[in-house]
Amino acid sequence: MTKADIVDEIAERTGLTKKDVAETVDEFLAAVSRSLQQGHHIEIRGFGTFKVKDRKPRLARNPRTGESVPVPARRVPLFKVSKELKDMVAQG
């Protein structure tokens, strides 16, 4: 499912225009991105939690040459699914 599919479905169910729904979806995604960029976590009850994790620097191995390669520290976004959503998906 794409963002356009989500916009279409929400517009159908609510009677709002696709333009209004698309703007709302875009603003929601932008707000989530800004919050994660600032290091905040976002909890949407019944859906899941978005958060940022700090990864430590480490040494990796180049599989082609076997040479050790340093990997710098970085921040990565994570999404953890809520128990309610897991159960709903499992039931089909």
Foldseek 3Di string as FASTA:
>chain_A
DDPLVVLVVVCVVPVDDSVVSSVVVVVVVVVCVVCQVVQHKDQDPLFWIKGKDKDQKDWDADVVPRDIDIDHIDIDIDIDGDPNVVVVVVVD
